[in-house]
Amino acid sequence: MWCPFCNHTDTRVVDSRLATDGFQVRRRRECAACGARFNTFETPALKAPNVIKSDGSREAFDEDKLRGGMLKALEKRPVETQEVERAIRKLLREVRTLEEAEISSERIGDWVAAELSRLDQVAYVRFASVYRRFEDVQAFREEIERLERENPGVIDRRQISLLDDSEA
């Protein structure tokens, strides 16, 4: 591997250990020429399935789209970065380890919605409003009421009530 500091081609691995959830190996390297040390991260080169869009078109799975959609829904929400990253890694692992050549965008959306529902119900409603194409306020209300019916007493103390109790 090339040294990022002096471009010398001879670097050696000083230390290796599992990183994050065991899906990466962190390697500490040292340049034989300049002595600089740096980290590299190695991940398996798994081919992700193609995504079948709702219009029938197909495209390569894009990790950035998944990450961006989740981060957008969780923007300014009281969820720790570690929890978000753990959920994203879990979803990426599910997609990458599929033994199918193709997966529907709907299936991925369902997985994302389930993770967001677990992390933060407001983020879930944000995501669901786009993913399920809510047309009006009533659609929001119905989804919130469904959430509260299916998860009674589960609303995290960090979250404010999704509906004002006087309106319900």
N, C-alpha and C. Protein backbone atom coordinates (compact mmCIF):
# COMPACT_ATOMS: atom_id res chain seq x y z
N MET A 1 0.84 -1.18 0.00
CA MET A 1 0.00 0.00 0.00
C MET A 1 0.89 1.24 0.00
N TRP A 2 0.49 2.23 -0.74
CA TRP A 2 1.22 3.48 -0.83
C TRP A 2 1.11 4.26 0.48
N CYS A 3 2.20 4.91 0.88
CA CYS A 3 2.18 5.78 2.05
C CYS A 3 1.48 7.08 1.64
N PRO A 4 0.46 7.53 2.39
CA PRO A 4 -0.24 8.76 2.02
C PRO A 4 0.58 10.02 2.28
N PHE A 5 1.73 9.88 2.97
CA PHE A 5 2.56 11.04 3.29
C PHE A 5 3.71 11.23 2.32
N CYS A 6 4.39 10.12 1.94
CA CYS A 6 5.56 10.26 1.05
C CYS A 6 5.42 9.48 -0.25
N ASN A 7 4.31 8.77 -0.43
CA ASN A 7 4.03 7.96 -1.63
C ASN A 7 4.97 6.78 -1.83
N HIS A 8 5.70 6.40 -0.81
CA HIS A 8 6.55 5.22 -0.90
C HIS A 8 5.65 3.98 -0.95
N THR A 9 6.11 2.95 -1.67
CA THR A 9 5.26 1.76 -1.85
C THR A 9 5.41 0.71 -0.77
N ASP A 10 6.38 0.86 0.12
CA ASP A 10 6.63 -0.17 1.12
C ASP A 10 6.09 0.26 2.49
N THR A 11 4.93 -0.29 2.85
CA THR A 11 4.38 -0.07 4.20
C THR A 11 4.14 -1.43 4.82
N ARG A 12 4.21 -1.49 6.13
CA ARG A 12 3.97 -2.77 6.80
C ARG A 12 2.86 -2.61 7.83
N VAL A 13 2.15 -3.71 8.06
CA VAL A 13 1.07 -3.72 9.05
C VAL A 13 1.69 -3.91 10.43
N VAL A 14 1.41 -2.96 11.33
CA VAL A 14 1.93 -3.00 12.69
C VAL A 14 0.92 -3.67 13.62
N ASP A 15 -0.37 -3.45 13.37
CA ASP A 15 -1.42 -3.98 14.24
C ASP A 15 -2.69 -4.17 13.42
N SER A 16 -3.43 -5.22 13.72
CA SER A 16 -4.73 -5.47 13.09
C SER A 16 -5.72 -5.83 14.18
N ARG A 17 -6.93 -5.28 14.07
CA ARG A 17 -8.01 -5.67 14.99
C ARG A 17 -9.35 -5.40 14.35
N LEU A 18 -10.35 -6.10 14.86
CA LEU A 18 -11.71 -5.90 14.36
C LEU A 18 -12.19 -4.51 14.75
N ALA A 19 -12.88 -3.88 13.82
CA ALA A 19 -13.45 -2.55 14.07
C ALA A 19 -14.96 -2.66 14.12
N THR A 20 -15.58 -1.70 14.73
CA THR A 20 -17.04 -1.54 14.84
C THR A 20 -17.73 -2.85 15.17
N ASP A 21 -18.52 -3.37 14.27
CA ASP A 21 -19.33 -4.55 14.55
C ASP A 21 -18.72 -5.84 14.02
N GLY A 22 -17.42 -5.83 13.76
CA GLY A 22 -16.78 -7.03 13.25
C GLY A 22 -16.87 -7.17 11.75
N PHE A 23 -17.39 -6.16 11.09
CA PHE A 23 -17.56 -6.19 9.64
C PHE A 23 -16.38 -5.52 8.94
N GLN A 24 -15.46 -4.96 9.73
CA GLN A 24 -14.28 -4.31 9.19
C GLN A 24 -13.06 -4.73 10.01
N VAL A 25 -11.89 -4.67 9.36
CA VAL A 25 -10.63 -4.87 10.05
C VAL A 25 -9.88 -3.55 9.99
N ARG A 26 -9.44 -3.08 11.15
CA ARG A 26 -8.65 -1.85 11.22
C ARG A 26 -7.19 -2.27 11.24
N ARG A 27 -6.41 -1.70 10.33
CA ARG A 27 -4.99 -2.02 10.27
C ARG A 27 -4.18 -0.75 10.52
N ARG A 28 -3.22 -0.86 11.42
CA ARG A 28 -2.29 0.23 11.70
C ARG A 28 -1.06 -0.07 10.86
N ARG A 29 -0.68 0.87 10.01
CA ARG A 29 0.45 0.65 9.10
C ARG A 29 1.56 1.65 9.38
N GLU A 30 2.77 1.26 8.96
CA GLU A 30 3.93 2.14 9.12
C GLU A 30 4.72 2.13 7.81
N CYS A 31 5.11 3.31 7.38
CA CYS A 31 5.88 3.46 6.15
C CYS A 31 7.35 3.13 6.43
N ALA A 32 7.95 2.31 5.57
CA ALA A 32 9.35 1.93 5.73
C ALA A 32 10.28 3.09 5.39
N ALA A 33 9.82 4.02 4.56
CA ALA A 33 10.67 5.13 4.13
C ALA A 33 10.65 6.30 5.12
N CYS A 34 9.46 6.81 5.45
CA CYS A 34 9.38 8.02 6.29
C CYS A 34 8.98 7.74 7.73
N GLY A 35 8.55 6.51 8.02
CA GLY A 35 8.18 6.15 9.38
C GLY A 35 6.79 6.60 9.82
N ALA A 36 6.06 7.25 8.92
CA ALA A 36 4.71 7.72 9.27
C ALA A 36 3.79 6.54 9.53
N ARG A 37 2.87 6.73 10.46
CA ARG A 37 1.89 5.69 10.76
C ARG A 37 0.50 6.18 10.36
N PHE A 38 -0.31 5.26 9.87
CA PHE A 38 -1.67 5.60 9.47
C PHE A 38 -2.55 4.37 9.56
N ASN A 39 -3.87 4.61 9.59
CA ASN A 39 -4.85 3.52 9.69
C ASN A 39 -5.49 3.25 8.34
N THR A 40 -5.79 2.00 8.10
CA THR A 40 -6.61 1.63 6.96
C THR A 40 -7.74 0.74 7.49
N PHE A 41 -8.83 0.70 6.75
CA PHE A 41 -9.96 -0.13 7.13
C PHE A 41 -10.29 -1.05 5.96
N GLU A 42 -10.40 -2.31 6.25
CA GLU A 42 -10.66 -3.32 5.22
C GLU A 42 -12.05 -3.89 5.43
N THR A 43 -12.83 -3.92 4.36
CA THR A 43 -14.17 -4.51 4.42
C THR A 43 -14.29 -5.54 3.29
N PRO A 44 -15.12 -6.54 3.47
CA PRO A 44 -15.29 -7.52 2.40
C PRO A 44 -15.92 -6.87 1.17
N ALA A 45 -15.47 -7.26 0.02
CA ALA A 45 -16.01 -6.71 -1.23
C ALA A 45 -17.20 -7.56 -1.67
N LEU A 46 -18.32 -7.34 -1.00
CA LEU A 46 -19.54 -8.08 -1.33
C LEU A 46 -20.33 -7.30 -2.36
N LYS A 47 -20.86 -7.99 -3.32
CA LYS A 47 -21.66 -7.33 -4.35
C LYS A 47 -23.08 -7.17 -3.83
N ALA A 48 -23.50 -5.92 -3.70
CA ALA A 48 -24.87 -5.65 -3.25
C ALA A 48 -25.82 -5.93 -4.41
N PRO A 49 -27.04 -6.33 -4.10
CA PRO A 49 -28.01 -6.60 -5.16
C PRO A 49 -28.45 -5.32 -5.86
N ASN A 50 -28.96 -5.48 -7.06
CA ASN A 50 -29.58 -4.34 -7.75
C ASN A 50 -30.92 -4.06 -7.10
N VAL A 51 -31.33 -2.80 -7.16
CA VAL A 51 -32.59 -2.38 -6.55
C VAL A 51 -33.63 -2.22 -7.66
N ILE A 52 -34.78 -2.86 -7.45
CA ILE A 52 -35.90 -2.71 -8.39
C ILE A 52 -36.76 -1.58 -7.87
N LYS A 53 -36.80 -0.49 -8.62
CA LYS A 53 -37.56 0.70 -8.23
C LYS A 53 -39.06 0.46 -8.45
N SER A 54 -39.88 1.34 -7.89
CA SER A 54 -41.34 1.18 -8.00
C SER A 54 -41.83 1.27 -9.45
N ASP A 55 -41.07 1.97 -10.30
CA ASP A 55 -41.47 2.07 -11.71
C ASP A 55 -40.95 0.90 -12.55
N GLY A 56 -40.27 -0.06 -11.90
CA GLY A 56 -39.76 -1.23 -12.60
C GLY A 56 -38.32 -1.10 -13.07
N SER A 57 -37.78 0.11 -13.03
CA SER A 57 -36.38 0.28 -13.44
C SER A 57 -35.46 -0.32 -12.38
N ARG A 58 -34.22 -0.58 -12.78
CA ARG A 58 -33.25 -1.17 -11.88
C ARG A 58 -32.02 -0.29 -11.80
N GLU A 59 -31.45 -0.25 -10.59
CA GLU A 59 -30.20 0.49 -10.42
C GLU A 59 -29.38 -0.19 -9.34
N ALA A 60 -28.09 0.11 -9.33
CA ALA A 60 -27.21 -0.48 -8.32
C ALA A 60 -27.58 0.06 -6.94
N PHE A 61 -27.46 -0.80 -5.94
CA PHE A 61 -27.72 -0.36 -4.57
C PHE A 61 -26.75 0.75 -4.22
N ASP A 62 -27.25 1.81 -3.59
CA ASP A 62 -26.44 2.97 -3.24
C ASP A 62 -26.48 3.17 -1.73
N GLU A 63 -25.37 2.84 -1.08
CA GLU A 63 -25.27 2.98 0.37
C GLU A 63 -25.53 4.42 0.81
N ASP A 64 -25.07 5.38 0.02
CA ASP A 64 -25.25 6.79 0.38
C ASP A 64 -26.72 7.19 0.42
N LYS A 65 -27.54 6.60 -0.46
CA LYS A 65 -28.98 6.90 -0.44
C LYS A 65 -29.61 6.39 0.85
N LEU A 66 -29.25 5.18 1.24
CA LEU A 66 -29.79 4.62 2.47
C LEU A 66 -29.37 5.47 3.66
N ARG A 67 -28.09 5.78 3.75
CA ARG A 67 -27.56 6.59 4.85
C ARG A 67 -28.21 7.97 4.85
N GLY A 68 -28.30 8.60 3.67
CA GLY A 68 -28.88 9.94 3.57
C GLY A 68 -30.33 9.99 3.98
N GLY A 69 -31.11 8.98 3.58
CA GLY A 69 -32.52 8.93 3.95
C GLY A 69 -32.71 8.81 5.45
N MET A 70 -31.88 7.97 6.06
CA MET A 70 -32.00 7.81 7.51
C MET A 70 -31.55 9.07 8.24
N LEU A 71 -30.45 9.65 7.81
CA LEU A 71 -29.95 10.85 8.48
C LEU A 71 -30.91 12.03 8.33
N LYS A 72 -31.53 12.14 7.17
CA LYS A 72 -32.50 13.21 6.95
C LYS A 72 -33.69 13.06 7.91
N ALA A 73 -34.19 11.84 8.05
CA ALA A 73 -35.32 11.59 8.95
C ALA A 73 -34.94 11.86 10.40
N LEU A 74 -33.68 11.58 10.75
CA LEU A 74 -33.23 11.73 12.14
C LEU A 74 -32.65 13.11 12.45
N GLU A 75 -32.65 13.99 11.45
CA GLU A 75 -32.07 15.32 11.64
C GLU A 75 -32.70 16.03 12.84
N LYS A 76 -31.82 16.54 13.71
CA LYS A 76 -32.22 17.30 14.91
C LYS A 76 -33.08 16.50 15.88
N ARG A 77 -32.91 15.18 15.87
CA ARG A 77 -33.63 14.31 16.81
C ARG A 77 -32.64 13.84 17.88
N PRO A 78 -33.13 13.58 19.09
CA PRO A 78 -32.24 13.20 20.20
C PRO A 78 -31.84 11.72 20.16
N VAL A 79 -31.17 11.34 19.09
CA VAL A 79 -30.71 9.96 18.95
C VAL A 79 -29.20 10.00 18.84
N GLU A 80 -28.53 9.18 19.65
CA GLU A 80 -27.08 9.18 19.65
C GLU A 80 -26.53 8.68 18.32
N THR A 81 -25.43 9.31 17.90
CA THR A 81 -24.78 8.95 16.64
C THR A 81 -24.44 7.46 16.60
N GLN A 82 -24.01 6.91 17.72
CA GLN A 82 -23.66 5.48 17.77
C GLN A 82 -24.86 4.60 17.43
N GLU A 83 -26.02 4.98 17.94
CA GLU A 83 -27.24 4.20 17.66
C GLU A 83 -27.58 4.26 16.17
N VAL A 84 -27.44 5.46 15.60
CA VAL A 84 -27.74 5.65 14.17
C VAL A 84 -26.78 4.81 13.34
N GLU A 85 -25.49 4.90 13.63
CA GLU A 85 -24.49 4.14 12.88
C GLU A 85 -24.72 2.64 13.01
N ARG A 86 -25.08 2.20 14.20
CA ARG A 86 -25.35 0.77 14.42
C ARG A 86 -26.53 0.32 13.55
N ALA A 87 -27.57 1.14 13.49
CA ALA A 87 -28.75 0.80 12.67
C ALA A 87 -28.39 0.78 11.19
N ILE A 88 -27.59 1.75 10.75
CA ILE A 88 -27.18 1.80 9.34
C ILE A 88 -26.33 0.57 9.01
N ARG A 89 -25.39 0.23 9.88
CA ARG A 89 -24.55 -0.96 9.64
C ARG A 89 -25.40 -2.22 9.57
N LYS A 90 -26.41 -2.31 10.44
CA LYS A 90 -27.30 -3.47 10.43
C LYS A 90 -28.03 -3.58 9.09
N LEU A 91 -28.56 -2.46 8.60
CA LEU A 91 -29.26 -2.47 7.32
C LEU A 91 -28.32 -2.80 6.17
N LEU A 92 -27.13 -2.23 6.18
CA LEU A 92 -26.16 -2.51 5.12
C LEU A 92 -25.78 -3.99 5.12
N ARG A 93 -25.61 -4.56 6.30
CA ARG A 93 -25.28 -5.98 6.40
C ARG A 93 -26.42 -6.83 5.83
N GLU A 94 -27.67 -6.46 6.14
CA GLU A 94 -28.82 -7.20 5.61
C GLU A 94 -28.83 -7.17 4.09
N VAL A 95 -28.58 -5.99 3.52
CA VAL A 95 -28.60 -5.85 2.06
C VAL A 95 -27.44 -6.61 1.44
N ARG A 96 -26.23 -6.44 1.99
CA ARG A 96 -25.04 -7.05 1.40
C ARG A 96 -25.01 -8.57 1.51
N THR A 97 -25.65 -9.10 2.52
CA THR A 97 -25.58 -10.56 2.71
C THR A 97 -26.77 -11.29 2.09
N LEU A 98 -27.62 -10.56 1.40
CA LEU A 98 -28.72 -11.21 0.68
C LEU A 98 -28.13 -12.14 -0.37
N GLU A 99 -28.76 -13.23 -0.56
CA GLU A 99 -28.27 -14.15 -1.59
C GLU A 99 -29.08 -14.00 -2.87
N GLU A 100 -29.72 -12.85 -3.00
CA GLU A 100 -30.52 -12.56 -4.19
C GLU A 100 -29.80 -11.52 -5.04
N ALA A 101 -30.01 -11.59 -6.34
CA ALA A 101 -29.38 -10.64 -7.24
C ALA A 101 -30.10 -9.29 -7.25
N GLU A 102 -31.38 -9.29 -6.85
CA GLU A 102 -32.17 -8.07 -6.87
C GLU A 102 -33.04 -7.99 -5.62
N ILE A 103 -33.35 -6.75 -5.24
CA ILE A 103 -34.22 -6.50 -4.09
C ILE A 103 -35.10 -5.30 -4.43
N SER A 104 -36.33 -5.32 -3.98
CA SER A 104 -37.23 -4.19 -4.29
C SER A 104 -36.92 -3.02 -3.37
N SER A 105 -37.10 -1.81 -3.89
CA SER A 105 -36.91 -0.62 -3.08
C SER A 105 -37.92 -0.61 -1.93
N GLU A 106 -39.07 -1.24 -2.15
CA GLU A 106 -40.10 -1.32 -1.10
C GLU A 106 -39.58 -2.12 0.10
N ARG A 107 -38.90 -3.22 -0.17
CA ARG A 107 -38.37 -4.05 0.91
C ARG A 107 -37.31 -3.29 1.71
N ILE A 108 -36.44 -2.57 1.01
CA ILE A 108 -35.43 -1.76 1.70
C ILE A 108 -36.12 -0.68 2.52
N GLY A 109 -37.12 -0.03 1.93
CA GLY A 109 -37.87 1.00 2.64
C GLY A 109 -38.53 0.47 3.90
N ASP A 110 -39.06 -0.75 3.83
CA ASP A 110 -39.67 -1.37 5.01
C ASP A 110 -38.63 -1.60 6.11
N TRP A 111 -37.43 -2.05 5.72
CA TRP A 111 -36.36 -2.26 6.70
C TRP A 111 -35.96 -0.94 7.36
N VAL A 112 -35.82 0.11 6.53
CA VAL A 112 -35.45 1.42 7.06
C VAL A 112 -36.54 1.92 8.01
N ALA A 113 -37.79 1.80 7.60
CA ALA A 113 -38.91 2.25 8.44
C ALA A 113 -38.90 1.52 9.78
N ALA A 114 -38.65 0.23 9.76
CA ALA A 114 -38.62 -0.55 11.01
C ALA A 114 -37.50 -0.07 11.93
N GLU A 115 -36.32 0.18 11.37
CA GLU A 115 -35.21 0.67 12.19
C GLU A 115 -35.51 2.06 12.74
N LEU A 116 -36.07 2.93 11.91
CA LEU A 116 -36.40 4.28 12.39
C LEU A 116 -37.47 4.23 13.47
N SER A 117 -38.43 3.36 13.32
CA SER A 117 -39.48 3.22 14.33
C SER A 117 -38.88 2.81 15.66
N ARG A 118 -37.88 1.96 15.61
CA ARG A 118 -37.20 1.51 16.83
C ARG A 118 -36.37 2.64 17.44
N LEU A 119 -35.73 3.46 16.59
CA LEU A 119 -34.85 4.53 17.07
C LEU A 119 -35.61 5.75 17.57
N ASP A 120 -36.59 6.19 16.78
CA ASP A 120 -37.25 7.46 17.10
C ASP A 120 -38.54 7.55 16.28
N GLN A 121 -39.67 7.65 16.96
CA GLN A 121 -40.94 7.62 16.25
C GLN A 121 -41.19 8.86 15.41
N VAL A 122 -40.66 10.00 15.82
CA VAL A 122 -40.82 11.21 15.00
C VAL A 122 -40.05 11.03 13.69
N ALA A 123 -38.84 10.49 13.77
CA ALA A 123 -38.05 10.23 12.57
C ALA A 123 -38.78 9.23 11.68
N TYR A 124 -39.39 8.23 12.30
CA TYR A 124 -40.15 7.24 11.54
C TYR A 124 -41.28 7.93 10.76
N VAL A 125 -42.04 8.80 11.42
CA VAL A 125 -43.16 9.48 10.75
C VAL A 125 -42.64 10.36 9.62
N ARG A 126 -41.51 11.03 9.84
CA ARG A 126 -40.91 11.84 8.76
C ARG A 126 -40.63 10.96 7.54
N PHE A 127 -39.96 9.83 7.79
CA PHE A 127 -39.60 8.93 6.70
C PHE A 127 -40.86 8.37 6.04
N ALA A 128 -41.79 7.91 6.85
CA ALA A 128 -43.02 7.30 6.33
C ALA A 128 -43.80 8.28 5.47
N SER A 129 -43.77 9.56 5.84
CA SER A 129 -44.54 10.56 5.08
C SER A 129 -44.04 10.67 3.64
N VAL A 130 -42.75 10.47 3.45
CA VAL A 130 -42.19 10.51 2.10
C VAL A 130 -42.31 9.14 1.45
N TYR A 131 -41.91 8.10 2.17
CA TYR A 131 -41.89 6.74 1.65
C TYR A 131 -43.29 6.27 1.26
N ARG A 132 -44.27 6.59 2.07
CA ARG A 132 -45.64 6.16 1.79
C ARG A 132 -46.46 7.25 1.10
N ARG A 133 -45.81 8.34 0.76
CA ARG A 133 -46.43 9.44 0.01
C ARG A 133 -47.72 9.96 0.65
N PHE A 134 -47.60 10.43 1.89
CA PHE A 134 -48.77 10.98 2.56
C PHE A 134 -49.30 12.16 1.76
N GLU A 135 -50.60 12.18 1.56
CA GLU A 135 -51.25 13.22 0.75
C GLU A 135 -51.71 14.42 1.57
N ASP A 136 -52.07 14.17 2.85
CA ASP A 136 -52.63 15.24 3.66
C ASP A 136 -52.37 14.98 5.14
N VAL A 137 -52.82 15.92 5.97
CA VAL A 137 -52.61 15.82 7.41
C VAL A 137 -53.29 14.57 7.98
N GLN A 138 -54.40 14.19 7.42
CA GLN A 138 -55.12 13.00 7.90
C GLN A 138 -54.25 11.75 7.79
N ALA A 139 -53.46 11.66 6.74
CA ALA A 139 -52.57 10.50 6.58
C ALA A 139 -51.54 10.46 7.72
N PHE A 140 -51.02 11.64 8.09
CA PHE A 140 -50.10 11.71 9.23
C PHE A 140 -50.80 11.22 10.50
N ARG A 141 -51.98 11.76 10.73
CA ARG A 141 -52.74 11.43 11.94
C ARG A 141 -53.00 9.92 12.01
N GLU A 142 -53.40 9.32 10.90
CA GLU A 142 -53.68 7.88 10.88
C GLU A 142 -52.43 7.06 11.17
N GLU A 143 -51.31 7.47 10.62
CA GLU A 143 -50.06 6.75 10.86
C GLU A 143 -49.63 6.88 12.32
N ILE A 144 -49.77 8.06 12.88
CA ILE A 144 -49.41 8.28 14.29
C ILE A 144 -50.32 7.45 15.19
N GLU A 145 -51.60 7.44 14.90
CA GLU A 145 -52.54 6.65 15.71
C GLU A 145 -52.24 5.16 15.60
N ARG A 146 -51.87 4.70 14.39
CA ARG A 146 -51.49 3.30 14.21
C ARG A 146 -50.25 2.97 15.05
N LEU A 147 -49.27 3.87 15.02
CA LEU A 147 -48.05 3.69 15.80
C LEU A 147 -48.38 3.56 17.29
N GLU A 148 -49.21 4.45 17.77
CA GLU A 148 -49.56 4.44 19.19
C GLU A 148 -50.38 3.21 19.57
N ARG A 149 -51.22 2.73 18.66
CA ARG A 149 -52.00 1.50 18.92
C ARG A 149 -51.08 0.28 18.99
N GLU A 150 -50.15 0.20 18.03
CA GLU A 150 -49.27 -0.96 17.95
C GLU A 150 -48.18 -0.96 19.00
N ASN A 151 -47.85 0.21 19.52
CA ASN A 151 -46.76 0.33 20.49
C ASN A 151 -47.22 1.09 21.73
N PRO A 152 -48.24 0.63 22.42
CA PRO A 152 -48.73 1.38 23.58
C PRO A 152 -47.66 1.46 24.67
N GLY A 153 -47.44 2.67 25.16
CA GLY A 153 -46.47 2.87 26.23
C GLY A 153 -45.03 2.75 25.82
N VAL A 154 -44.76 2.63 24.53
CA VAL A 154 -43.38 2.46 24.07
C VAL A 154 -42.72 3.79 23.78
N ILE A 155 -43.49 4.84 23.68
CA ILE A 155 -42.92 6.14 23.33
C ILE A 155 -41.84 6.48 24.34
N ASP A 156 -40.67 6.73 23.82
CA ASP A 156 -39.49 7.04 24.61
C ASP A 156 -39.69 8.34 25.37
N ARG A 157 -39.18 8.39 26.58
CA ARG A 157 -39.32 9.60 27.40
C ARG A 157 -38.61 10.80 26.77
N ARG A 158 -37.65 10.55 25.87
CA ARG A 158 -36.95 11.65 25.20
C ARG A 158 -37.84 12.36 24.20
N GLN A 159 -38.92 11.71 23.79
CA GLN A 159 -39.76 12.24 22.73
C GLN A 159 -41.01 12.89 23.29
N ILE A 160 -41.41 13.96 22.65
CA ILE A 160 -42.67 14.58 23.02
C ILE A 160 -43.79 13.76 22.39
N SER A 161 -45.00 13.93 22.87
CA SER A 161 -46.13 13.20 22.33
C SER A 161 -46.32 13.57 20.86
N LEU A 162 -46.62 12.58 20.03
CA LEU A 162 -46.81 12.85 18.61
C LEU A 162 -48.12 13.60 18.35
N LEU A 163 -49.12 13.35 19.17
CA LEU A 163 -50.40 14.05 19.05
C LEU A 163 -50.73 14.64 20.41
N ASP A 164 -51.23 15.85 20.42
CA ASP A 164 -51.67 16.47 21.66
C ASP A 164 -52.82 15.63 22.22
N ASP A 165 -52.73 15.25 23.49
CA ASP A 165 -53.75 14.39 24.10
C ASP A 165 -55.15 14.98 24.00
N SER A 166 -55.26 16.30 23.94
CA SER A 166 -56.58 16.92 23.85
C SER A 166 -57.21 16.72 22.48
N GLU A 167 -56.37 16.43 21.46
CA GLU A 167 -56.88 16.24 20.09
C GLU A 167 -57.33 14.81 19.85
N ALA A 168 -56.78 13.87 20.58
CA ALA A 168 -57.05 12.45 20.32
C ALA A 168 -58.43 12.03 20.75
